[in-house]
C-alpha cells in the first residue's frame, strides 16, 4: 500500500487549494494508551483572506460523521 505524501486542504472563504504534508494538518492526541489524530486549525496563507483551511474529504469518506450518521451499503453492514 502506498504511503500518503500529502493532504489536500481548501479555504472555506476564498476556495484556495493546497497540498501539504499530513504532519502539518493532523496532530496526534493521547489519552492514556489511546491515540488518535485530530485536525489542526490552519489559517489561509493568502494575506487578504485569512480564512479557515480544512482538509478535503477523501474518496469514500463519510461526510456526516459529526451528526452520528455513517452511510454504508448493505454488503458492508456486517462490518458494523
PDB file of N, CA and C in Angstrom:
ATOM      1  N   UNK A   1       0.841  -1.173   0.000  1.00  0.00           N
ATOM      2  CA  UNK A   1       0.000   0.000   0.000  1.00  0.00           C
ATOM      3  C   UNK A   1       0.893   1.246   0.000  1.00  0.00           C
ATOM      4  N   UNK A   2       0.603   2.214  -0.870  1.00  0.00           N
ATOM      5  CA  UNK A   2       1.443   3.420  -0.929  1.00  0.00           C
ATOM      6  C   UNK A   2       1.236   4.314   0.300  1.00  0.00           C
ATOM      7  N   UNK A   3       2.275   5.028   0.655  1.00  0.00           N
ATOM      8  CA  UNK A   3       2.167   5.942   1.787  1.00  0.00           C
ATOM      9  C   UNK A   3       1.565   7.269   1.326  1.00  0.00           C
ATOM     10  N   UNK A   4       0.977   7.989   2.259  1.00  0.00           N
ATOM     11  CA  UNK A   4       0.366   9.279   1.953  1.00  0.00           C
ATOM     12  C   UNK A   4       1.447  10.352   2.079  1.00  0.00           C
ATOM     13  N   UNK A   5       1.706  11.051   0.986  1.00  0.00           N
ATOM     14  CA  UNK A   5       2.751  12.073   0.978  1.00  0.00           C
ATOM     15  C   UNK A   5       2.207  13.472   1.155  1.00  0.00           C
ATOM     16  N   UNK A   6       0.900  13.676   0.918  1.00  0.00           N
ATOM     17  CA  UNK A   6       0.314  15.000   1.037  1.00  0.00           C
ATOM     18  C   UNK A   6      -1.182  14.884   1.336  1.00  0.00           C
ATOM     19  N   UNK A   7      -1.741  15.963   1.838  1.00  0.00           N
ATOM     20  CA  UNK A   7      -3.171  16.067   2.126  1.00  0.00           C
ATOM     21  C   UNK A   7      -3.684  17.303   1.404  1.00  0.00           C
ATOM     22  N   UNK A   8      -4.831  17.177   0.749  1.00  0.00           N
ATOM     23  CA  UNK A   8      -5.439  18.309   0.067  1.00  0.00           C
ATOM     24  C   UNK A   8      -6.266  19.112   1.067  1.00  0.00           C
ATOM     25  N   UNK A   9      -5.973  20.407   1.190  1.00  0.00           N
ATOM     26  CA  UNK A   9      -6.755  21.287   2.054  1.00  0.00           C
ATOM     27  C   UNK A   9      -7.314  22.432   1.213  1.00  0.00           C
ATOM     28  N   UNK A  10      -8.389  23.034   1.700  1.00  0.00           N
ATOM     29  CA  UNK A  10      -9.006  24.148   0.988  1.00  0.00           C
ATOM     30  C   UNK A  10      -9.468  25.199   1.980  1.00  0.00           C
ATOM     31  N   UNK A  11      -9.571  26.445   1.504  1.00  0.00           N
ATOM     32  CA  UNK A  11     -10.016  27.552   2.339  1.00  0.00           C
ATOM     33  C   UNK A  11     -11.535  27.661   2.238  1.00  0.00           C
ATOM     34  N   UNK A  12     -12.204  27.828   3.365  1.00  0.00           N
ATOM     35  CA  UNK A  12     -13.658  27.936   3.366  1.00  0.00           C
ATOM     36  C   UNK A  12     -14.133  29.304   2.886  1.00  0.00           C
ATOM     37  N   UNK A  13     -13.249  30.295   2.884  1.00  0.00           N
ATOM     38  CA  UNK A  13     -13.643  31.640   2.445  1.00  0.00           C
ATOM     39  C   UNK A  13     -13.375  31.874   0.961  1.00  0.00           C
ATOM     40  N   UNK A  14     -12.125  31.674   0.533  1.00  0.00           N
ATOM     41  CA  UNK A  14     -11.766  32.020  -0.846  1.00  0.00           C
ATOM     42  C   UNK A  14     -11.667  30.810  -1.768  1.00  0.00           C
ATOM     43  N   UNK A  15     -11.644  29.597  -1.227  1.00  0.00           N
ATOM     44  CA  UNK A  15     -11.573  28.393  -2.049  1.00  0.00           C
ATOM     45  C   UNK A  15     -10.169  27.993  -2.473  1.00  0.00           C
ATOM     46  N   UNK A  16      -9.138  28.660  -1.970  1.00  0.00           N
ATOM     47  CA  UNK A  16      -7.752  28.330  -2.288  1.00  0.00           C
ATOM     48  C   UNK A  16      -7.469  26.884  -1.890  1.00  0.00           C
ATOM     49  N   UNK A  17      -6.802  26.126  -2.772  1.00  0.00           N
ATOM     50  CA  UNK A  17      -6.470  24.732  -2.502  1.00  0.00           C
ATOM     51  C   UNK A  17      -4.960  24.574  -2.435  1.00  0.00           C
ATOM     52  N   UNK A  18      -4.502  23.758  -1.498  1.00  0.00           N
ATOM     53  CA  UNK A  18      -3.076  23.494  -1.307  1.00  0.00           C
ATOM     54  C   UNK A  18      -2.878  22.022  -0.969  1.00  0.00           C
ATOM     55  N   UNK A  19      -1.695  21.517  -1.286  1.00  0.00           N
ATOM     56  CA  UNK A  19      -1.268  20.192  -0.858  1.00  0.00           C
ATOM     57  C   UNK A  19      -0.158  20.395   0.160  1.00  0.00           C
ATOM     58  N   UNK A  20      -0.328  19.821   1.355  1.00  0.00           N
ATOM     59  CA  UNK A  20       0.699  19.941   2.392  1.00  0.00           C
ATOM     60  C   UNK A  20       0.929  18.583   3.038  1.00  0.00           C
ATOM     61  N   UNK A  21       1.990  18.487   3.805  1.00  0.00           N
ATOM     62  CA  UNK A  21       2.341  17.239   4.491  1.00  0.00           C
ATOM     63  C   UNK A  21       1.299  16.911   5.563  1.00  0.00           C
ATOM     64  N   UNK A  22       0.978  15.628   5.733  1.00  0.00           N
ATOM     65  CA  UNK A  22      -0.018  15.246   6.743  1.00  0.00           C
ATOM     66  C   UNK A  22       0.367  15.656   8.161  1.00  0.00           C
ATOM     67  N   UNK A  23       1.666  15.764   8.439  1.00  0.00           N
ATOM     68  CA  UNK A  23       2.104  16.159   9.780  1.00  0.00           C
ATOM     69  C   UNK A  23       1.686  17.587  10.113  1.00  0.00           C
ATOM     70  N   UNK A  24       1.509  18.427   9.095  1.00  0.00           N
ATOM     71  CA  UNK A  24       1.112  19.813   9.321  1.00  0.00           C
ATOM     72  C   UNK A  24      -0.399  19.959   9.478  1.00  0.00           C
ATOM     73  N   UNK A  25      -1.171  18.967   9.001  1.00  0.00           N
ATOM     74  CA  UNK A  25      -2.635  19.041   9.055  1.00  0.00           C
ATOM     75  C   UNK A  25      -3.174  18.381  10.316  1.00  0.00           C
ATOM     76  N   UNK A  26      -2.605  17.235  10.677  1.00  0.00           N
ATOM     77  CA  UNK A  26      -3.118  16.466  11.809  1.00  0.00           C
ATOM     78  C   UNK A  26      -2.111  16.442  12.943  1.00  0.00           C
ATOM     79  N   UNK A  27      -2.633  16.433  14.164  1.00  0.00           N
ATOM     80  CA  UNK A  27      -1.773  16.277  15.333  1.00  0.00           C
ATOM     81  C   UNK A  27      -2.242  15.055  16.116  1.00  0.00           C
ATOM     82  N   UNK A  28      -1.315  14.374  16.743  1.00  0.00           N
ATOM     83  CA  UNK A  28      -1.600  13.163  17.478  1.00  0.00           C
ATOM     84  C   UNK A  28      -1.992  13.516  18.908  1.00  0.00           C
ATOM     85  N   UNK A  29      -3.143  13.024  19.336  1.00  0.00           N
ATOM     86  CA  UNK A  29      -3.612  13.232  20.709  1.00  0.00           C
ATOM     87  C   UNK A  29      -3.515  11.916  21.457  1.00  0.00           C
ATOM     88  N   UNK A  30      -3.200  11.995  22.738  1.00  0.00           N
ATOM     89  CA  UNK A  30      -3.068  10.811  23.572  1.00  0.00           C
ATOM     90  C   UNK A  30      -3.931  10.950  24.817  1.00  0.00           C
ATOM     91  N   UNK A  31      -4.636   9.874  25.161  1.00  0.00           N
ATOM     92  CA  UNK A  31      -5.376   9.812  26.416  1.00  0.00           C
ATOM     93  C   UNK A  31      -5.127   8.422  26.987  1.00  0.00           C
ATOM     94  N   UNK A  32      -4.230   8.370  27.936  1.00  0.00           N
ATOM     95  CA  UNK A  32      -3.825   7.071  28.457  1.00  0.00           C
ATOM     96  C   UNK A  32      -3.059   6.303  27.398  1.00  0.00           C
ATOM     97  N   UNK A  33      -3.579   5.131  27.023  1.00  0.00           N
ATOM     98  CA  UNK A  33      -2.941   4.343  25.987  1.00  0.00           C
ATOM     99  C   UNK A  33      -3.591   4.543  24.624  1.00  0.00           C
ATOM    100  N   UNK A  34      -4.674   5.283  24.569  1.00  0.00           N
ATOM    101  CA  UNK A  34      -5.346   5.531  23.297  1.00  0.00           C
ATOM    102  C   UNK A  34      -4.703   6.701  22.568  1.00  0.00           C
ATOM    103  N   UNK A  35      -4.582   6.547  21.254  1.00  0.00           N
ATOM    104  CA  UNK A  35      -4.049   7.618  20.413  1.00  0.00           C
ATOM    105  C   UNK A  35      -4.989   7.832  19.239  1.00  0.00           C
ATOM    106  N   UNK A  36      -5.194   9.071  18.850  1.00  0.00           N
ATOM    107  CA  UNK A  36      -5.979   9.375  17.669  1.00  0.00           C
ATOM    108  C   UNK A  36      -5.491  10.679  17.061  1.00  0.00           C
ATOM    109  N   UNK A  37      -5.815  10.879  15.795  1.00  0.00           N
ATOM    110  CA  UNK A  37      -5.408  12.112  15.124  1.00  0.00           C
ATOM    111  C   UNK A  37      -6.555  13.102  15.138  1.00  0.00           C
ATOM    112  N   UNK A  38      -6.200  14.366  15.222  1.00  0.00           N
ATOM    113  CA  UNK A  38      -7.180  15.445  15.239  1.00  0.00           C
ATOM    114  C   UNK A  38      -6.681  16.548  14.307  1.00  0.00           C
ATOM    115  N   UNK A  39      -7.567  17.124  13.479  1.00  0.00           N
ATOM    116  CA  UNK A  39      -7.106  18.189  12.583  1.00  0.00           C
ATOM    117  C   UNK A  39      -6.714  19.451  13.345  1.00  0.00           C
ATOM    118  N   UNK A  40      -5.690  20.121  12.841  1.00  0.00           N
ATOM    119  CA  UNK A  40      -5.253  21.390  13.429  1.00  0.00           C
ATOM    120  C   UNK A  40      -6.037  22.536  12.816  1.00  0.00           C
ATOM    121  N   UNK A  41      -6.097  23.651  13.518  1.00  0.00           N
ATOM    122  CA  UNK A  41      -6.708  24.864  12.983  1.00  0.00           C
ATOM    123  C   UNK A  41      -5.663  25.587  12.144  1.00  0.00           C
ATOM    124  N   UNK A  42      -5.873  25.617  10.835  1.00  0.00           N
ATOM    125  CA  UNK A  42      -4.942  26.265   9.925  1.00  0.00           C
ATOM    126  C   UNK A  42      -5.582  27.508   9.337  1.00  0.00           C
ATOM    127  N   UNK A  43      -4.771  28.514   9.101  1.00  0.00           N
ATOM    128  CA  UNK A  43      -5.244  29.782   8.536  1.00  0.00           C
ATOM    129  C   UNK A  43      -4.806  29.878   7.085  1.00  0.00           C
ATOM    130  N   UNK A  44      -5.646  30.459   6.240  1.00  0.00           N
ATOM    131  CA  UNK A  44      -5.336  30.613   4.816  1.00  0.00           C
ATOM    132  C   UNK A  44      -4.072  31.459   4.669  1.00  0.00           C
ATOM    133  N   UNK A  45      -3.131  31.024   3.810  1.00  0.00           N
ATOM    134  CA  UNK A  45      -1.876  31.761   3.652  1.00  0.00           C
ATOM    135  C   UNK A  45      -2.003  33.034   2.818  1.00  0.00           C
ATOM    136  N   UNK A  46      -3.141  33.274   2.184  1.00  0.00           N
ATOM    137  CA  UNK A  46      -3.330  34.485   1.395  1.00  0.00           C
ATOM    138  C   UNK A  46      -3.552  35.660   2.357  1.00  0.00           C
ATOM    139  N   UNK A  47      -2.741  36.721   2.263  1.00  0.00           N
ATOM    140  CA  UNK A  47      -2.816  37.825   3.232  1.00  0.00           C
ATOM    141  C   UNK A  47      -4.165  38.545   3.262  1.00  0.00           C
ATOM    142  N   UNK A  48      -4.853  38.628   2.137  1.00  0.00           N
ATOM    143  CA  UNK A  48      -6.135  39.338   2.118  1.00  0.00           C
ATOM    144  C   UNK A  48      -7.296  38.482   2.589  1.00  0.00           C
ATOM    145  N   UNK A  49      -7.131  37.189   2.721  1.00  0.00           N
ATOM    146  CA  UNK A  49      -8.240  36.294   3.076  1.00  0.00           C
ATOM    147  C   UNK A  49      -8.246  35.936   4.563  1.00  0.00           C
ATOM    148  N   UNK A  50      -7.230  35.212   5.016  1.00  0.00           N
ATOM    149  CA  UNK A  50      -7.102  34.736   6.398  1.00  0.00           C
ATOM    150  C   UNK A  50      -8.299  33.896   6.844  1.00  0.00           C
ATOM    151  N   UNK A  51      -8.864  33.109   5.909  1.00  0.00           N
ATOM    152  CA  UNK A  51      -9.969  32.208   6.237  1.00  0.00           C
ATOM    153  C   UNK A  51      -9.469  30.935   6.889  1.00  0.00           C
ATOM    154  N   UNK A  52     -10.365  30.011   7.144  1.00  0.00           N
ATOM    155  CA  UNK A  52     -10.042  28.748   7.805  1.00  0.00           C
ATOM    156  C   UNK A  52      -9.783  27.671   6.752  1.00  0.00           C
ATOM    157  N   UNK A  53      -8.697  26.950   6.904  1.00  0.00           N
ATOM    158  CA  UNK A  53      -8.344  25.866   5.989  1.00  0.00           C
ATOM    159  C   UNK A  53      -8.819  24.539   6.579  1.00  0.00           C
ATOM    160  N   UNK A  54      -9.490  23.741   5.758  1.00  0.00           N
ATOM    161  CA  UNK A  54      -9.969  22.422   6.157  1.00  0.00           C
ATOM    162  C   UNK A  54      -9.438  21.380   5.198  1.00  0.00           C
ATOM    163  N   UNK A  55      -9.299  20.137   5.676  1.00  0.00           N
ATOM    164  CA  UNK A  55      -8.870  19.074   4.773  1.00  0.00           C
ATOM    165  C   UNK A  55     -10.057  18.633   3.930  1.00  0.00           C
ATOM    166  N   UNK A  56      -9.799  18.404   2.652  1.00  0.00           N
ATOM    167  CA  UNK A  56     -10.844  17.967   1.729  1.00  0.00           C
ATOM    168  C   UNK A  56     -11.180  16.506   2.021  1.00  0.00           C
ATOM    169  N   UNK A  57     -12.450  16.135   1.933  1.00  0.00           N
ATOM    170  CA  UNK A  57     -12.800  14.735   2.191  1.00  0.00           C
ATOM    171  C   UNK A  57     -12.204  13.813   1.130  1.00  0.00           C
ATOM    172  N   UNK A  58     -11.731  12.664   1.573  1.00  0.00           N
ATOM    173  CA  UNK A  58     -11.167  11.695   0.654  1.00  0.00           C
ATOM    174  C   UNK A  58     -12.279  10.887   0.002  1.00  0.00           C
ATOM    175  N   UNK A  59     -11.958  10.228  -1.091  1.00  0.00           N
ATOM    176  CA  UNK A  59     -12.939   9.424  -1.803  1.00  0.00           C
ATOM    177  C   UNK A  59     -13.467   8.320  -0.892  1.00  0.00           C
ATOM    178  N   UNK A  60     -14.774   8.246  -0.736  1.00  0.00           N
ATOM    179  CA  UNK A  60     -15.395   7.233   0.107  1.00  0.00           C
ATOM    180  C   UNK A  60     -15.503   7.591   1.565  1.00  0.00           C
ATOM    181  N   UNK A  61     -14.989   8.734   1.966  1.00  0.00           N
ATOM    182  CA  UNK A  61     -15.047   9.155   3.366  1.00  0.00           C
ATOM    183  C   UNK A  61     -16.451   9.658   3.684  1.00  0.00           C
ATOM    184  N   UNK A  62     -17.052   9.212   4.789  1.00  0.00           N
ATOM    185  CA  UNK A  62     -18.384   9.704   5.146  1.00  0.00           C
ATOM    186  C   UNK A  62     -18.331  11.187   5.504  1.00  0.00           C
ATOM    187  N   UNK A  63     -19.331  11.937   5.081  1.00  0.00           N
ATOM    188  CA  UNK A  63     -19.324  13.380   5.276  1.00  0.00           C
ATOM    189  C   UNK A  63     -20.109  13.819   6.501  1.00  0.00           C
ATOM    190  N   UNK A  64     -20.921  12.937   7.076  1.00  0.00           N
ATOM    191  CA  UNK A  64     -21.803  13.342   8.171  1.00  0.00           C
ATOM    192  C   UNK A  64     -21.433  12.672   9.489  1.00  0.00           C
ATOM    193  N   UNK A  65     -20.156  12.491   9.747  1.00  0.00           N
ATOM    194  CA  UNK A  65     -19.713  11.810  10.972  1.00  0.00           C
ATOM    195  C   UNK A  65     -20.069  12.617  12.210  1.00  0.00           C
ATOM    196  N   UNK A  66     -20.006  13.937  12.150  1.00  0.00           N
ATOM    197  CA  UNK A  66     -20.278  14.775  13.319  1.00  0.00           C
ATOM    198  C   UNK A  66     -21.721  14.628  13.788  1.00  0.00           C
ATOM    199  N   UNK A  67     -22.632  14.293  12.892  1.00  0.00           N
ATOM    200  CA  UNK A  67     -24.031  14.116  13.266  1.00  0.00           C
ATOM    201  C   UNK A  67     -24.319  12.688  13.735  1.00  0.00           C
ATOM    202  N   UNK A  68     -23.319  11.821  13.726  1.00  0.00           N
ATOM    203  CA  UNK A  68     -23.523  10.452  14.161  1.00  0.00           C
ATOM    204  C   UNK A  68     -24.130   9.574  13.080  1.00  0.00           C
ATOM    205  N   UNK A  69     -24.038   9.950  11.825  1.00  0.00           N
ATOM    206  CA  UNK A  69     -24.620   9.204  10.717  1.00  0.00           C
ATOM    207  C   UNK A  69     -23.496   8.637   9.871  1.00  0.00           C
ATOM    208  N   UNK A  70     -23.505   7.334   9.631  1.00  0.00           N
ATOM    209  CA  UNK A  70     -22.467   6.699   8.831  1.00  0.00           C
ATOM    210  C   UNK A  70     -23.141   5.915   7.719  1.00  0.00           C
ATOM    211  N   UNK A  71     -23.241   6.499   6.531  1.00  0.00           N
ATOM    212  CA  UNK A  71     -23.902   5.769   5.439  1.00  0.00           C
ATOM    213  C   UNK A  71     -23.062   4.594   4.969  1.00  0.00           C
ATOM    214  N   UNK A  72     -23.685   3.449   4.843  1.00  0.00           N
ATOM    215  CA  UNK A  72     -22.965   2.282   4.348  1.00  0.00           C
ATOM    216  C   UNK A  72     -23.906   1.428   3.513  1.00  0.00           C
ATOM    217  N   UNK A  73     -23.330   0.707   2.581  1.00  0.00           N
ATOM    218  CA  UNK A  73     -24.132  -0.152   1.721  1.00  0.00           C
ATOM    219  C   UNK A  73     -24.520  -1.421   2.476  1.00  0.00           C
ATOM    220  N   UNK A  74     -25.496  -2.137   1.944  1.00  0.00           N
ATOM    221  CA  UNK A  74     -25.983  -3.330   2.620  1.00  0.00           C
ATOM    222  C   UNK A  74     -24.926  -4.434   2.656  1.00  0.00           C
ATOM    223  N   UNK A  75     -24.022  -4.477   1.671  1.00  0.00           N
ATOM    224  CA  UNK A  75     -22.984  -5.510   1.693  1.00  0.00           C
ATOM    225  C   UNK A  75     -21.874  -5.197   2.686  1.00  0.00           C
ATOM    226  N   UNK A  76     -21.833  -3.988   3.256  1.00  0.00           N
ATOM    227  CA  UNK A  76     -20.824  -3.633   4.241  1.00  0.00           C
ATOM    228  C   UNK A  76     -21.406  -3.548   5.653  1.00  0.00           C
ATOM    229  N   UNK A  77     -22.691  -3.797   5.815  1.00  0.00           N
ATOM    230  CA  UNK A  77     -23.314  -3.707   7.145  1.00  0.00           C
ATOM    231  C   UNK A  77     -22.760  -4.731   8.126  1.00  0.00           C
ATOM    232  N   UNK A  78     -22.297  -5.868   7.632  1.00  0.00           N
ATOM    233  CA  UNK A  78     -21.778  -6.899   8.517  1.00  0.00           C
ATOM    234  C   UNK A  78     -20.532  -6.439   9.261  1.00  0.00           C
ATOM    235  N   UNK A  79     -19.846  -5.422   8.751  1.00  0.00           N
ATOM    236  CA  UNK A  79     -18.633  -4.930   9.410  1.00  0.00           C
ATOM    237  C   UNK A  79     -18.945  -3.986  10.563  1.00  0.00           C
ATOM    238  N   UNK A  80     -20.161  -3.497  10.656  1.00  0.00           N
ATOM    239  CA  UNK A  80     -20.519  -2.516  11.691  1.00  0.00           C
ATOM    240  C   UNK A  80     -20.667  -3.151  13.045  1.00  0.00           C
TER     241      UNK A  80
END
